[in-house]
Amino acid sequence: MKKRSVLIAGHPTSVSLEEEFWEALKGLAQARGMSVNALIEEIDSTRSGNLSSAIRVHVLNAVQGRG
């Protein structure tokens, strides 16, 4: 698992994600024509709990066709 720095609303934070989730997140962002940071900001705006977990759930839901 790798820790990556991201910007959310102009504030730096870090998320720890497995490489497979990071690659899937990048693919989702690209498919939607947005940056990874923009997608993470969107996920952050609706999350409850840990950001890394919210990203994993978002990716899982997208892969399963629920997001």
C-alpha atoms as a PDB file:
ATOM      1  CA  MET A   1       0.000   0.000   0.000  1.00  0.00           C
ATOM      2  CA  LYS A   2       1.284   3.410  -0.933  1.00  0.00           C
ATOM      3  CA  LYS A   3       0.490   6.771   0.645  1.00  0.00           C
ATOM      4  CA  ARG A   4      -0.231   9.504  -1.892  1.00  0.00           C
ATOM      5  CA  SER A   5      -0.622  13.242  -1.417  1.00  0.00           C
ATOM      6  CA  VAL A   6      -3.736  14.877  -2.858  1.00  0.00           C
ATOM      7  CA  LEU A   7      -5.356  18.299  -2.684  1.00  0.00           C
ATOM      8  CA  ILE A   8      -8.919  18.633  -1.418  1.00  0.00           C
ATOM      9  CA  ALA A   9     -10.354  22.143  -1.696  1.00  0.00           C
ATOM     10  CA  GLY A  10      -6.806  23.457  -1.866  1.00  0.00           C
ATOM     11  CA  HIS A  11      -5.681  21.646   1.275  1.00  0.00           C
ATOM     12  CA  PRO A  12      -3.096  18.863   1.109  1.00  0.00           C
ATOM     13  CA  THR A  13      -3.931  15.501   2.616  1.00  0.00           C
ATOM     14  CA  SER A  14      -2.798  11.956   2.037  1.00  0.00           C
ATOM     15  CA  VAL A  15      -4.582   8.734   1.245  1.00  0.00           C
ATOM     16  CA  SER A  16      -3.304   5.179   1.544  1.00  0.00           C
ATOM     17  CA  LEU A  17      -4.537   2.950  -1.254  1.00  0.00           C
ATOM     18  CA  GLU A  18      -3.488  -0.322  -2.755  1.00  0.00           C
ATOM     19  CA  GLU A  19      -2.083   0.074  -6.274  1.00  0.00           C
ATOM     20  CA  GLU A  20      -5.110  -1.709  -7.789  1.00  0.00           C
ATOM     21  CA  PHE A  21      -7.532   0.792  -6.236  1.00  0.00           C
ATOM     22  CA  TRP A  22      -5.361   3.737  -7.300  1.00  0.00           C
ATOM     23  CA  GLU A  23      -5.241   2.502 -10.902  1.00  0.00           C
ATOM     24  CA  ALA A  24      -9.013   1.932 -10.918  1.00  0.00           C
ATOM     25  CA  LEU A  25      -9.564   5.420  -9.475  1.00  0.00           C
ATOM     26  CA  LYS A  26      -7.385   6.936 -12.208  1.00  0.00           C
ATOM     27  CA  GLY A  27      -9.378   5.031 -14.831  1.00  0.00           C
ATOM     28  CA  LEU A  28     -12.691   6.258 -13.411  1.00  0.00           C
ATOM     29  CA  ALA A  29     -11.461   9.852 -13.371  1.00  0.00           C
ATOM     30  CA  GLN A  30     -10.199   9.586 -16.943  1.00  0.00           C
ATOM     31  CA  ALA A  31     -13.482   8.044 -18.133  1.00  0.00           C
ATOM     32  CA  ARG A  32     -15.347  10.989 -16.592  1.00  0.00           C
ATOM     33  CA  GLY A  33     -12.958  13.543 -18.069  1.00  0.00           C
ATOM     34  CA  MET A  34     -11.768  14.792 -14.717  1.00  0.00           C
ATOM     35  CA  SER A  35      -8.591  14.776 -12.680  1.00  0.00           C
ATOM     36  CA  VAL A  36      -8.012  12.272  -9.899  1.00  0.00           C
ATOM     37  CA  ASN A  37      -7.978  15.170  -7.406  1.00  0.00           C
ATOM     38  CA  ALA A  38     -11.376  16.375  -8.668  1.00  0.00           C
ATOM     39  CA  LEU A  39     -12.841  12.890  -8.297  1.00  0.00           C
ATOM     40  CA  ILE A  40     -11.396  12.569  -4.798  1.00  0.00           C
ATOM     41  CA  GLU A  41     -12.916  15.959  -3.902  1.00  0.00           C
ATOM     42  CA  GLU A  42     -16.296  14.670  -5.127  1.00  0.00           C
ATOM     43  CA  ILE A  43     -15.952  11.489  -3.066  1.00  0.00           C
ATOM     44  CA  ASP A  44     -14.846  13.543  -0.050  1.00  0.00           C
ATOM     45  CA  SER A  45     -17.914  15.779  -0.262  1.00  0.00           C
ATOM     46  CA  THR A  46     -20.291  12.844   0.286  1.00  0.00           C
ATOM     47  CA  ARG A  47     -18.271  10.559   2.530  1.00  0.00           C
ATOM     48  CA  SER A  48     -18.767   9.553   6.092  1.00  0.00           C
ATOM     49  CA  GLY A  49     -15.702   8.150   7.780  1.00  0.00           C
ATOM     50  CA  ASN A  50     -12.203   7.572   6.463  1.00  0.00           C
ATOM     51  CA  LEU A  51     -11.320   9.040   3.047  1.00  0.00           C
ATOM     52  CA  SER A  52      -9.274   6.040   1.905  1.00  0.00           C
ATOM     53  CA  SER A  53     -12.161   3.725   2.744  1.00  0.00           C
ATOM     54  CA  ALA A  54     -14.628   6.004   0.961  1.00  0.00           C
ATOM     55  CA  ILE A  55     -12.454   5.895  -2.169  1.00  0.00           C
ATOM     56  CA  ARG A  56     -12.328   2.091  -2.054  1.00  0.00           C
ATOM     57  CA  VAL A  57     -16.128   1.886  -1.694  1.00  0.00           C
ATOM     58  CA  HIS A  58     -16.588   4.351  -4.567  1.00  0.00           C
ATOM     59  CA  VAL A  59     -14.308   2.289  -6.825  1.00  0.00           C
ATOM     60  CA  LEU A  60     -16.049  -0.950  -5.821  1.00  0.00           C
ATOM     61  CA  ASN A  61     -19.482   0.545  -6.495  1.00  0.00           C
ATOM     62  CA  ALA A  62     -18.328   1.804  -9.894  1.00  0.00           C
ATOM     63  CA  VAL A  63     -16.893  -1.598 -10.825  1.00  0.00           C
ATOM     64  CA  GLN A  64     -20.111  -3.296  -9.752  1.00  0.00           C
ATOM     65  CA  GLY A  65     -22.168  -0.815 -11.774  1.00  0.00           C
ATOM     66  CA  ARG A  66     -23.658   0.970  -8.772  1.00  0.00           C
ATOM     67  CA  GLY A  67     -21.806   4.238  -9.001  1.00  0.00           C
END
